[in-house]
Amino acid sequence: MKKRLHILAAILWMALIWILSSIPSDKLPSLKIISIDKLAHIGIYMAWGLIINMGLIKRKARSHEVMIIYCLMLLNAALDEYHQRYIPGRSVSVYDLIANALGISLAFGYYLIRKNHDRS
């Protein structure tokens, strides 16, 4: 049951990301500091990766499974960014995609550290 809870948490977080990125820009609060936006992208995607990590670590996923999952996460981040093209007032931003990928990469780095620590 707990393994399924990690999967459910990861799916719900992914859904939250898509819901938030579907909000038209005129409904979003204005941020004066541009870097706050990129930090939000990094944080949201890193949190999603850390949720994914809990499930991967619990089920002792093999290396190729982890790589597939992380590649799918990057694909999802790209698709999420692209779908904003169809949201009023939103646009596709390569810088947002880079921030998303950085968040996912930080979570992946944490996974590798944790995996190596658990081995020793």
Protein backbone atom coordinates (compact mmCIF):
# COMPACT_ATOMS: atom_id res chain seq x y z
CA MET A 1 0.00 0.00 0.00
CA LYS A 2 2.82 2.44 0.86
CA LYS A 3 4.42 1.86 -2.58
CA ARG A 4 1.19 2.96 -4.19
CA LEU A 5 1.09 6.04 -1.96
CA HIS A 6 4.40 7.25 -3.47
CA ILE A 7 3.03 6.73 -6.97
CA LEU A 8 -0.17 8.57 -6.08
CA ALA A 9 1.78 11.45 -4.53
CA ALA A 10 3.96 11.75 -7.65
CA ILE A 11 0.95 11.72 -9.96
CA LEU A 12 -0.90 14.29 -7.85
CA TRP A 13 2.15 16.58 -7.81
CA MET A 14 2.49 16.27 -11.59
CA ALA A 15 -1.21 17.14 -11.93
CA LEU A 16 -0.72 20.18 -9.68
CA ILE A 17 2.13 21.37 -11.92
CA TRP A 18 -0.10 21.10 -14.99
CA ILE A 19 -3.01 22.82 -13.24
CA LEU A 20 -0.81 25.71 -12.13
CA SER A 21 0.72 26.09 -15.56
CA SER A 22 -2.77 26.20 -17.10
CA ILE A 23 -3.73 29.37 -15.24
CA PRO A 24 -3.91 32.33 -17.67
CA SER A 25 -1.21 34.92 -16.97
CA ASP A 26 -3.72 37.66 -16.16
CA LYS A 27 -4.84 35.55 -13.18
CA LEU A 28 -1.32 35.17 -11.77
CA PRO A 29 0.18 37.51 -9.19
CA SER A 30 2.73 39.91 -10.62
CA LEU A 31 6.29 39.18 -9.53
CA LYS A 32 8.68 42.11 -9.70
CA ILE A 33 11.78 39.95 -9.27
CA ILE A 34 12.31 37.75 -12.31
CA SER A 35 14.48 35.24 -10.46
CA ILE A 36 11.59 34.34 -8.14
CA ASP A 37 9.81 32.81 -11.14
CA LYS A 38 12.79 30.64 -12.03
CA LEU A 39 13.27 29.62 -8.40
CA ALA A 40 9.62 28.56 -8.32
CA HIS A 41 10.14 26.41 -11.43
CA ILE A 42 13.26 24.83 -9.91
CA GLY A 43 11.56 24.21 -6.57
CA ILE A 44 8.35 22.75 -7.96
CA TYR A 45 10.15 20.31 -10.25
CA MET A 46 12.74 19.42 -7.60
CA ALA A 47 9.92 18.64 -5.16
CA TRP A 48 8.32 16.39 -7.79
CA GLY A 49 11.66 14.62 -8.26
CA LEU A 50 12.08 14.13 -4.52
CA ILE A 51 8.60 12.60 -4.35
CA ILE A 52 9.56 10.28 -7.21
CA ASN A 53 12.80 9.44 -5.38
CA MET A 54 10.89 8.15 -2.36
CA GLY A 55 9.16 5.57 -4.54
CA LEU A 56 12.33 4.66 -6.43
CA ILE A 57 14.28 4.13 -3.24
CA LYS A 58 11.46 2.14 -1.58
CA ARG A 59 11.12 -0.25 -4.49
CA LYS A 60 14.89 -0.41 -5.09
CA ALA A 61 14.51 0.54 -8.74
CA ARG A 62 17.18 -0.60 -11.16
CA SER A 63 19.42 1.96 -12.84
CA HIS A 64 17.72 1.68 -16.22
CA GLU A 65 14.29 2.16 -14.60
CA VAL A 66 15.51 5.31 -12.86
CA MET A 67 16.93 6.67 -16.13
CA ILE A 68 13.67 6.00 -17.97
CA ILE A 69 11.63 7.67 -15.24
CA TYR A 70 13.87 10.75 -15.18
CA CYS A 71 13.82 11.00 -18.98
CA LEU A 72 10.02 10.84 -18.86
CA MET A 73 10.04 13.58 -16.23
CA LEU A 74 12.13 15.80 -18.52
CA LEU A 75 9.76 15.05 -21.39
CA ASN A 76 6.81 15.94 -19.19
CA ALA A 77 8.49 19.23 -18.22
CA ALA A 78 8.96 20.06 -21.90
CA LEU A 79 5.37 19.15 -22.74
CA ASP A 80 4.11 21.19 -19.81
CA GLU A 81 6.04 24.20 -21.05
CA TYR A 82 4.78 23.70 -24.60
CA HIS A 83 1.14 23.36 -23.54
CA GLN A 84 1.31 26.88 -22.11
CA ARG A 85 1.32 28.08 -25.70
CA TYR A 86 -2.42 27.44 -25.67
CA ILE A 87 -3.10 29.24 -22.37
CA PRO A 88 -4.21 32.89 -22.73
CA GLY A 89 -1.39 35.26 -21.84
CA ARG A 90 1.16 32.47 -21.36
CA SER A 91 4.02 31.56 -23.65
CA VAL A 92 6.67 28.92 -24.14
CA SER A 93 9.94 29.85 -22.47
CA VAL A 94 13.19 27.99 -22.96
CA TYR A 95 14.42 29.58 -19.71
CA ASP A 96 11.49 28.10 -17.80
CA LEU A 97 12.29 24.72 -19.35
CA ILE A 98 15.91 25.06 -18.26
CA ALA A 99 14.74 25.88 -14.72
CA ASN A 100 12.40 22.86 -14.78
CA ALA A 101 15.25 20.62 -15.96
CA LEU A 102 17.54 22.03 -13.27
CA GLY A 103 15.00 21.16 -10.58
CA ILE A 104 14.69 17.62 -11.94
CA SER A 105 18.48 17.34 -12.16
CA LEU A 106 18.90 18.43 -8.54
CA ALA A 107 16.45 15.73 -7.45
CA PHE A 108 18.32 13.19 -9.58
CA GLY A 109 21.60 14.25 -7.98
CA TYR A 110 20.05 13.74 -4.56
CA TYR A 111 18.85 10.29 -5.66
CA LEU A 112 22.40 9.34 -6.68
CA ILE A 113 23.85 10.60 -3.39
CA ARG A 114 21.23 8.73 -1.41
CA LYS A 115 21.72 5.54 -3.44
CA ASN A 116 25.50 5.64 -2.94
CA HIS A 117 25.08 6.38 0.77
CA ASP A 118 22.70 3.44 1.22
CA ARG A 119 25.19 1.09 -0.48
CA SER A 120 27.98 1.84 1.99
